[in-house]
Amino acid sequence: MKKVSQQPLVSLGPHHQWSGDGHIWAIQDQWSGKWLGMWVNCESEMTEVYNFTSALSVHNITIKYGWLCVWVQWGDNVKVFWEASKEIYNDMDLCQYDLVQWLWLKLIQQELDKLKHCLNTHTVHYDHNKHLPLGVLPNVAMLLHKDYNAKNCLQSVDHGIVKNLMEEIGGEDLIHFVDSKYSANG
């Protein structure tokens, strides 16, 4: 197997390069280390929601290192709770199945939001191999990027075009575990 040479991480500034991955899908800004979002992935099986460290890539190093931080903070708790809940409901009953899909994932998303806040409000440790902000909270680095001579590389997008594209491929139900009618009644 060919060894990939390690190079210091370099980025022009916030939003220059994002890294994304996982059954629990996340996007992390390379420059600041800020977690821009964490979401439960609708495409994965419920029993795989906790398995976010299974596929390792040597080229997506920002998010792969980030998953280690997630695992250290969150551990296998999600798996333990899911396994314990399997005996409580009948997955062959569609009403119970929909309720579990809706409720369980709302709870996981709530915990992911708390974890994202925690990860974005901790001081990044010093690493001499990084040419990025160190010793500062990711949230602060993003806000004060000019103090680090960095360029905000975020590009604006027409939200109307994105909305139309989403509707063309199936709308909001594509990103939910239950249909929007069920979710509205929940």
Protein backbone atom coordinates (compact mmCIF):
# COMPACT_ATOMS: atom_id res chain seq x y z
CA MET A 1 0.00 0.00 0.00
CA LYS A 2 1.36 3.39 -0.99
CA LYS A 3 1.92 5.72 1.95
CA VAL A 4 0.42 9.19 1.60
CA SER A 5 2.90 11.89 2.55
CA GLN A 6 1.75 14.28 5.24
CA GLN A 7 1.69 17.96 4.46
CA PRO A 8 0.68 20.86 6.72
CA LEU A 9 -2.95 21.91 6.30
CA VAL A 10 -3.17 25.17 4.38
CA SER A 11 -6.29 27.16 3.54
CA LEU A 12 -7.01 30.71 2.35
CA GLY A 13 -9.60 31.26 5.07
CA PRO A 14 -13.09 30.34 6.21
CA HIS A 15 -15.19 28.42 3.66
CA HIS A 16 -12.22 27.85 1.32
CA GLN A 17 -12.46 24.11 1.84
CA TRP A 18 -15.08 22.06 3.64
CA SER A 19 -14.81 18.45 4.58
CA GLY A 20 -17.90 16.24 4.81
CA ASP A 21 -18.60 12.60 5.56
CA GLY A 22 -20.50 10.04 7.56
CA HIS A 23 -23.65 8.13 8.47
CA ILE A 24 -24.13 11.08 10.75
CA TRP A 25 -23.42 13.60 8.03
CA ALA A 26 -21.28 16.57 8.92
CA ILE A 27 -19.47 19.46 7.31
CA GLN A 28 -16.38 20.94 8.93
CA ASP A 29 -14.48 24.04 7.80
CA GLN A 30 -10.82 23.17 7.24
CA TRP A 31 -9.41 26.61 8.08
CA SER A 32 -11.12 27.12 11.45
CA GLY A 33 -12.09 23.57 12.39
CA LYS A 34 -15.65 24.81 12.94
CA TRP A 35 -18.40 22.22 12.54
CA LEU A 36 -20.80 23.95 10.14
CA GLY A 37 -23.45 21.31 10.51
CA MET A 38 -24.18 17.80 11.77
CA TRP A 39 -27.22 15.89 10.61
CA VAL A 40 -28.54 12.38 10.85
CA ASN A 41 -28.27 10.87 7.36
CA CYS A 42 -31.66 9.78 5.99
CA GLU A 43 -30.02 7.26 3.65
CA SER A 44 -28.50 5.12 6.41
CA GLU A 45 -30.28 2.37 8.29
CA MET A 46 -31.34 3.27 11.81
CA THR A 47 -29.05 0.63 13.29
CA GLU A 48 -26.10 2.20 11.47
CA VAL A 49 -26.65 5.73 12.78
CA TYR A 50 -23.90 5.27 15.36
CA ASN A 51 -21.34 3.78 12.96
CA PHE A 52 -19.69 7.02 11.87
CA THR A 53 -16.06 5.83 12.07
CA SER A 54 -16.26 2.83 9.75
CA ALA A 55 -14.96 4.27 6.47
CA LEU A 56 -11.56 5.91 6.79
CA SER A 57 -9.94 7.95 4.03
CA VAL A 58 -6.44 9.37 4.14
CA HIS A 59 -7.43 12.24 1.82
CA ASN A 60 -10.31 13.70 3.84
CA ILE A 61 -8.21 14.19 6.94
CA THR A 62 -10.02 17.20 8.43
CA ILE A 63 -13.32 15.40 8.88
CA LYS A 64 -11.65 12.08 9.77
CA TYR A 65 -9.79 13.73 12.65
CA GLY A 66 -13.04 15.45 13.55
CA TRP A 67 -14.86 12.09 13.79
CA LEU A 68 -12.31 11.02 16.39
CA CYS A 69 -13.28 14.07 18.46
CA VAL A 70 -16.97 13.20 18.01
CA TRP A 71 -16.38 9.61 19.10
CA VAL A 72 -14.37 10.69 22.16
CA GLN A 73 -17.14 13.12 23.21
CA TRP A 74 -20.12 10.97 22.26
CA GLY A 75 -18.74 7.43 22.23
CA ASP A 76 -21.00 4.47 21.63
CA ASN A 77 -23.92 5.96 23.60
CA VAL A 78 -26.18 6.17 20.57
CA LYS A 79 -25.64 2.49 19.77
CA VAL A 80 -26.33 1.46 23.38
CA PHE A 81 -29.58 3.46 23.51
CA TRP A 82 -30.72 2.18 20.11
CA GLU A 83 -30.04 -1.45 21.02
CA ALA A 84 -31.93 -1.02 24.31
CA SER A 85 -34.92 0.47 22.50
CA LYS A 86 -35.29 -2.40 20.03
CA GLU A 87 -37.28 -4.44 22.56
CA ILE A 88 -39.73 -1.62 23.28
CA TYR A 89 -41.54 -1.34 19.95
CA ASN A 90 -42.77 -3.57 17.13
CA ASP A 91 -41.02 -2.57 13.91
CA MET A 92 -43.63 -4.52 11.91
CA ASP A 93 -46.34 -2.10 13.09
CA LEU A 94 -46.12 0.84 10.64
CA CYS A 95 -47.53 3.34 13.16
CA GLN A 96 -44.92 2.37 15.75
CA TYR A 97 -42.18 2.29 13.12
CA ASP A 98 -43.01 5.83 11.89
CA LEU A 99 -43.19 7.11 15.47
CA VAL A 100 -39.76 5.66 16.29
CA GLN A 101 -38.26 7.05 13.08
CA TRP A 102 -39.60 10.50 13.86
CA LEU A 103 -38.91 10.56 17.61
CA TRP A 104 -35.56 8.78 17.71
CA LEU A 105 -34.03 10.95 15.03
CA LYS A 106 -35.32 14.16 16.60
CA LEU A 107 -33.55 13.08 19.81
CA ILE A 108 -30.32 12.25 17.97
CA GLN A 109 -30.44 15.58 16.12
CA GLN A 110 -30.94 17.41 19.42
CA GLU A 111 -27.83 15.69 20.82
CA LEU A 112 -25.85 16.43 17.64
CA ASP A 113 -26.74 20.12 17.94
CA LYS A 114 -25.44 20.15 21.54
CA LEU A 115 -22.26 18.33 20.49
CA LYS A 116 -21.67 20.73 17.59
CA HIS A 117 -21.97 23.67 20.00
CA CYS A 118 -19.50 22.03 22.39
CA LEU A 119 -16.96 21.29 19.63
CA ASN A 120 -17.22 24.84 18.23
CA THR A 121 -16.69 26.47 21.63
CA HIS A 122 -13.48 24.71 22.67
CA THR A 123 -9.96 26.02 22.17
CA VAL A 124 -8.08 24.28 19.36
CA HIS A 125 -4.77 22.84 20.59
CA TYR A 126 -1.46 23.95 19.14
CA ASP A 127 -0.09 21.86 16.27
CA HIS A 128 3.11 23.02 14.59
CA ASN A 129 2.12 21.12 11.44
CA LYS A 130 -0.89 23.36 10.81
CA HIS A 131 -0.73 26.76 9.16
CA LEU A 132 -4.20 27.59 10.45
CA PRO A 133 -5.56 29.41 13.53
CA LEU A 134 -4.53 27.73 16.77
CA GLY A 135 -5.28 28.35 20.42
CA VAL A 136 -8.65 29.93 19.56
CA LEU A 137 -12.28 28.82 19.55
CA PRO A 138 -13.44 27.79 16.04
CA ASN A 139 -16.43 30.17 16.35
CA VAL A 140 -14.09 33.07 17.21
CA ALA A 141 -11.68 32.22 14.38
CA MET A 142 -14.56 32.38 11.90
CA LEU A 143 -15.75 35.74 13.20
CA LEU A 144 -12.28 37.29 13.40
CA HIS A 145 -10.78 35.75 10.26
CA LYS A 146 -9.38 39.13 9.15
CA ASP A 147 -7.23 39.20 12.30
CA TYR A 148 -5.52 36.09 10.90
CA ASN A 149 -5.06 37.63 7.44
CA ALA A 150 -7.58 35.17 6.04
CA LYS A 151 -10.12 35.64 3.28
CA ASN A 152 -13.76 34.60 3.75
CA CYS A 153 -14.28 32.39 0.69
CA LEU A 154 -18.02 31.80 1.13
CA GLN A 155 -19.87 32.37 -2.14
CA SER A 156 -23.47 33.52 -2.23
CA VAL A 157 -26.07 31.24 -3.79
CA ASP A 158 -29.51 32.10 -5.13
CA HIS A 159 -31.83 30.38 -2.64
CA GLY A 160 -34.64 30.33 -5.21
CA ILE A 161 -32.57 28.16 -7.56
CA VAL A 162 -31.73 25.75 -4.73
CA LYS A 163 -35.40 25.55 -3.71
CA ASN A 164 -36.46 24.80 -7.30
CA LEU A 165 -33.79 22.11 -7.65
CA MET A 166 -34.92 20.49 -4.37
CA GLU A 167 -38.54 20.47 -5.54
CA GLU A 168 -37.54 18.90 -8.87
CA ILE A 169 -35.86 15.95 -7.17
CA GLY A 170 -38.52 15.29 -4.52
CA GLY A 171 -38.74 18.22 -2.13
CA GLU A 172 -38.43 18.29 1.64
CA ASP A 173 -39.44 14.64 2.11
CA LEU A 174 -36.03 13.63 0.71
CA ILE A 175 -34.31 14.90 3.83
CA HIS A 176 -36.76 13.53 6.41
CA PHE A 177 -37.25 10.04 7.81
CA VAL A 178 -41.03 10.29 7.74
CA ASP A 179 -43.24 12.17 5.29
CA SER A 180 -43.92 15.86 5.97
CA LYS A 181 -47.58 15.17 6.84
CA TYR A 182 -46.57 12.78 9.64
CA SER A 183 -43.90 15.19 10.86
CA ALA A 184 -46.40 18.09 10.96
CA ASN A 185 -48.77 15.99 13.11
CA GLY A 186 -45.91 14.96 15.44
